Amino acid sequence: MSAIPRNSLDTSISPAAATSASMLKAAVLSVGKRISSVWNFWAYRSTMTQLVTLDDHMLRDIGITRCDVNAAATLPYSNDPTSRLRTLAQERQASELALAKEIRQRRKISAQRSMTSDCEPYRSTDQRDTPTG
């Protein structure tokens, strides 16, 4: 029986080399995550610095208040303050829309009541017709 010659381009790696490669990959990913978190932290804080410099009128134009900015600035460094600001702005907008809808419904009900009322409006005793004799 003749042996088949071993391919000189054998690409299989030893288990030790595979373990080293996976450890290297994990280390690179870890460093990448740290660099990403530092970059995000810098970007978040840069945004917060810009927001702090705006006056209240400009903050209202973008849907947030000074209190929102202060609340977002107190978040831990690992959290994104801009996502908190977005949430606060969306909650405020939803609340304002709900309030406006409720006011419209109350006005509509009030208008319907005044149109269907058979009672004459209240008048004080001095405004009533009194027979004069």
C-alpha atoms as a PDB file:
ATOM      1  CA  MET A   1       0.000   0.000   0.000  1.00  0.00           C
ATOM      2  CA  SER A   2       1.348   3.300  -0.919  1.00  0.00           C
ATOM      3  CA  ALA A   3       0.768   6.236   1.375  1.00  0.00           C
ATOM      4  CA  ILE A   4      -0.822   9.317  -0.011  1.00  0.00           C
ATOM      5  CA  PRO A   5       1.615  12.169   0.376  1.00  0.00           C
ATOM      6  CA  ARG A   6       0.525  14.788   2.859  1.00  0.00           C
ATOM      7  CA  ASN A   7      -0.477  18.067   1.262  1.00  0.00           C
ATOM      8  CA  SER A   8       2.138  20.685   1.980  1.00  0.00           C
ATOM      9  CA  LEU A   9      -0.601  23.356   2.072  1.00  0.00           C
ATOM     10  CA  ASP A  10      -2.457  21.820   5.012  1.00  0.00           C
ATOM     11  CA  THR A  11      -4.467  24.648   6.569  1.00  0.00           C
ATOM     12  CA  SER A  12      -5.573  22.895   9.723  1.00  0.00           C
ATOM     13  CA  ILE A  13      -4.312  24.480  12.919  1.00  0.00           C
ATOM     14  CA  SER A  14      -3.510  22.953  16.205  1.00  0.00           C
ATOM     15  CA  PRO A  15      -5.907  23.326  19.155  1.00  0.00           C
ATOM     16  CA  ALA A  16      -3.383  25.531  20.965  1.00  0.00           C
ATOM     17  CA  ALA A  17      -3.209  27.886  17.997  1.00  0.00           C
ATOM     18  CA  ALA A  18      -7.013  27.987  17.766  1.00  0.00           C
ATOM     19  CA  THR A  19      -7.239  28.900  21.446  1.00  0.00           C
ATOM     20  CA  SER A  20      -4.657  31.639  20.984  1.00  0.00           C
ATOM     21  CA  ALA A  21      -6.529  32.996  17.989  1.00  0.00           C
ATOM     22  CA  SER A  22      -9.835  33.095  19.871  1.00  0.00           C
ATOM     23  CA  MET A  23      -8.141  34.834  22.805  1.00  0.00           C
ATOM     24  CA  LEU A  24      -6.630  37.378  20.429  1.00  0.00           C
ATOM     25  CA  LYS A  25     -10.024  37.945  18.818  1.00  0.00           C
ATOM     26  CA  ALA A  26     -11.634  38.470  22.251  1.00  0.00           C
ATOM     27  CA  ALA A  27      -8.900  40.939  23.208  1.00  0.00           C
ATOM     28  CA  VAL A  28      -9.335  42.912  19.981  1.00  0.00           C
ATOM     29  CA  LEU A  29     -13.108  43.011  20.465  1.00  0.00           C
ATOM     30  CA  SER A  30     -12.667  44.173  24.061  1.00  0.00           C
ATOM     31  CA  VAL A  31     -10.324  46.975  23.014  1.00  0.00           C
ATOM     32  CA  GLY A  32     -12.746  47.906  20.233  1.00  0.00           C
ATOM     33  CA  LYS A  33     -15.637  48.120  22.689  1.00  0.00           C
ATOM     34  CA  ARG A  34     -13.629  50.331  25.022  1.00  0.00           C
ATOM     35  CA  ILE A  35     -12.641  52.650  22.196  1.00  0.00           C
ATOM     36  CA  SER A  36     -16.271  52.775  21.094  1.00  0.00           C
ATOM     37  CA  SER A  37     -17.468  53.599  24.607  1.00  0.00           C
ATOM     38  CA  VAL A  38     -14.877  56.373  24.976  1.00  0.00           C
ATOM     39  CA  TRP A  39     -15.902  57.782  21.598  1.00  0.00           C
ATOM     40  CA  ASN A  40     -19.609  57.636  22.538  1.00  0.00           C
ATOM     41  CA  PHE A  41     -18.923  59.265  25.897  1.00  0.00           C
ATOM     42  CA  TRP A  42     -17.092  62.117  24.192  1.00  0.00           C
ATOM     43  CA  ALA A  43     -19.885  62.536  21.626  1.00  0.00           C
ATOM     44  CA  TYR A  44     -22.626  62.481  24.307  1.00  0.00           C
ATOM     45  CA  ARG A  45     -20.868  65.016  26.478  1.00  0.00           C
ATOM     46  CA  SER A  46     -20.119  67.212  23.490  1.00  0.00           C
ATOM     47  CA  THR A  47     -23.828  67.256  22.678  1.00  0.00           C
ATOM     48  CA  MET A  48     -24.680  68.081  26.285  1.00  0.00           C
ATOM     49  CA  THR A  49     -22.179  70.942  26.278  1.00  0.00           C
ATOM     50  CA  GLN A  50     -23.860  72.380  23.196  1.00  0.00           C
ATOM     51  CA  LEU A  51     -27.318  72.027  24.753  1.00  0.00           C
ATOM     52  CA  VAL A  52     -26.258  73.789  27.946  1.00  0.00           C
ATOM     53  CA  THR A  53     -25.207  76.823  25.918  1.00  0.00           C
ATOM     54  CA  LEU A  54     -28.666  77.214  24.320  1.00  0.00           C
ATOM     55  CA  ASP A  55     -31.196  79.591  25.823  1.00  0.00           C
ATOM     56  CA  ASP A  56     -34.610  78.409  27.040  1.00  0.00           C
ATOM     57  CA  HIS A  57     -36.410  79.584  23.889  1.00  0.00           C
ATOM     58  CA  MET A  58     -34.121  77.534  21.652  1.00  0.00           C
ATOM     59  CA  LEU A  59     -34.493  74.496  23.917  1.00  0.00           C
ATOM     60  CA  ARG A  60     -38.291  74.803  23.676  1.00  0.00           C
ATOM     61  CA  ASP A  61     -37.973  74.913  19.880  1.00  0.00           C
ATOM     62  CA  ILE A  62     -36.378  71.464  19.918  1.00  0.00           C
ATOM     63  CA  GLY A  63     -38.909  70.161  22.447  1.00  0.00           C
ATOM     64  CA  ILE A  64     -36.919  70.049  25.695  1.00  0.00           C
ATOM     65  CA  THR A  65     -36.549  72.243  28.756  1.00  0.00           C
ATOM     66  CA  ARG A  66     -33.641  73.330  30.895  1.00  0.00           C
ATOM     67  CA  CYS A  67     -34.788  70.852  33.554  1.00  0.00           C
ATOM     68  CA  ASP A  68     -34.587  68.051  30.981  1.00  0.00           C
ATOM     69  CA  VAL A  69     -31.004  68.996  30.161  1.00  0.00           C
ATOM     70  CA  ASN A  70     -30.090  69.091  33.853  1.00  0.00           C
ATOM     71  CA  ALA A  71     -31.729  65.700  34.454  1.00  0.00           C
ATOM     72  CA  ALA A  72     -29.897  64.139  31.507  1.00  0.00           C
ATOM     73  CA  ALA A  73     -26.593  65.612  32.652  1.00  0.00           C
ATOM     74  CA  THR A  74     -26.864  63.753  35.965  1.00  0.00           C
ATOM     75  CA  LEU A  75     -27.037  60.327  34.311  1.00  0.00           C
ATOM     76  CA  PRO A  76     -24.084  57.976  34.825  1.00  0.00           C
ATOM     77  CA  TYR A  77     -21.298  58.346  32.285  1.00  0.00           C
ATOM     78  CA  SER A  78     -22.124  55.004  30.685  1.00  0.00           C
ATOM     79  CA  ASN A  79     -25.655  56.160  29.760  1.00  0.00           C
ATOM     80  CA  ASP A  80     -26.550  58.171  26.690  1.00  0.00           C
ATOM     81  CA  PRO A  81     -28.027  61.491  27.862  1.00  0.00           C
ATOM     82  CA  THR A  82     -29.412  62.236  24.398  1.00  0.00           C
ATOM     83  CA  SER A  83     -31.649  59.155  24.507  1.00  0.00           C
ATOM     84  CA  ARG A  84     -33.021  60.361  27.855  1.00  0.00           C
ATOM     85  CA  LEU A  85     -33.690  63.786  26.349  1.00  0.00           C
ATOM     86  CA  ARG A  86     -35.465  62.162  23.402  1.00  0.00           C
ATOM     87  CA  THR A  87     -37.651  60.143  25.782  1.00  0.00           C
ATOM     88  CA  LEU A  88     -38.533  63.221  27.854  1.00  0.00           C
ATOM     89  CA  ALA A  89     -39.423  65.216  24.725  1.00  0.00           C
ATOM     90  CA  GLN A  90     -41.623  62.393  23.382  1.00  0.00           C
ATOM     91  CA  GLU A  91     -43.393  62.017  26.736  1.00  0.00           C
ATOM     92  CA  ARG A  92     -44.035  65.756  26.910  1.00  0.00           C
ATOM     93  CA  GLN A  93     -45.371  65.830  23.348  1.00  0.00           C
ATOM     94  CA  ALA A  94     -47.699  62.889  24.022  1.00  0.00           C
ATOM     95  CA  SER A  95     -48.942  64.570  27.192  1.00  0.00           C
ATOM     96  CA  GLU A  96     -49.612  67.853  25.387  1.00  0.00           C
ATOM     97  CA  LEU A  97     -51.470  66.061  22.590  1.00  0.00           C
ATOM     98  CA  ALA A  98     -53.603  64.156  25.108  1.00  0.00           C
ATOM     99  CA  LEU A  99     -54.404  67.391  26.961  1.00  0.00           C
ATOM    100  CA  ALA A 100     -55.345  69.189  23.728  1.00  0.00           C
ATOM    101  CA  LYS A 101     -57.596  66.257  22.757  1.00  0.00           C
ATOM    102  CA  GLU A 102     -59.296  66.320  26.152  1.00  0.00           C
ATOM    103  CA  ILE A 103     -59.893  70.074  25.892  1.00  0.00           C
ATOM    104  CA  ARG A 104     -61.421  69.673  22.415  1.00  0.00           C
ATOM    105  CA  GLN A 105     -63.719  66.912  23.696  1.00  0.00           C
ATOM    106  CA  ARG A 106     -64.858  69.018  26.644  1.00  0.00           C
ATOM    107  CA  ARG A 107     -65.579  72.000  24.385  1.00  0.00           C
ATOM    108  CA  LYS A 108     -67.528  69.768  22.017  1.00  0.00           C
ATOM    109  CA  ILE A 109     -69.617  68.334  24.869  1.00  0.00           C
ATOM    110  CA  SER A 110     -70.219  71.811  26.259  1.00  0.00           C
ATOM    111  CA  ALA A 111     -71.314  73.102  22.859  1.00  0.00           C
ATOM    112  CA  GLN A 112     -73.668  70.134  22.392  1.00  0.00           C
ATOM    113  CA  ARG A 113     -75.213  70.718  25.807  1.00  0.00           C
ATOM    114  CA  SER A 114     -75.824  74.396  25.111  1.00  0.00           C
ATOM    115  CA  MET A 115     -77.437  73.607  21.742  1.00  0.00           C
ATOM    116  CA  THR A 116     -79.781  70.947  23.103  1.00  0.00           C
ATOM    117  CA  SER A 117     -80.728  72.680  26.329  1.00  0.00           C
ATOM    118  CA  ASP A 118     -84.451  73.522  26.636  1.00  0.00           C
ATOM    119  CA  CYS A 119     -83.880  75.554  29.762  1.00  0.00           C
ATOM    120  CA  GLU A 120     -83.519  79.259  29.572  1.00  0.00           C
ATOM    121  CA  PRO A 121     -80.249  80.598  30.886  1.00  0.00           C
ATOM    122  CA  TYR A 122     -80.068  81.589  34.526  1.00  0.00           C
ATOM    123  CA  ARG A 123     -80.917  85.181  35.309  1.00  0.00           C
ATOM    124  CA  SER A 124     -80.805  86.836  38.669  1.00  0.00           C
ATOM    125  CA  THR A 125     -84.025  88.023  40.310  1.00  0.00           C
ATOM    126  CA  ASP A 126     -83.506  91.617  39.297  1.00  0.00           C
ATOM    127  CA  GLN A 127     -83.280  90.590  35.641  1.00  0.00           C
ATOM    128  CA  ARG A 128     -86.517  88.566  35.605  1.00  0.00           C
ATOM    129  CA  ASP A 129     -89.679  89.975  34.195  1.00  0.00           C
ATOM    130  CA  THR A 130     -91.830  91.003  37.094  1.00  0.00           C
ATOM    131  CA  PRO A 131     -95.372  92.109  36.665  1.00  0.00           C
ATOM    132  CA  THR A 132     -95.807  95.742  37.423  1.00  0.00           C
ATOM    133  CA  GLY A 133     -99.078  96.826  38.743  1.00  0.00           C
END
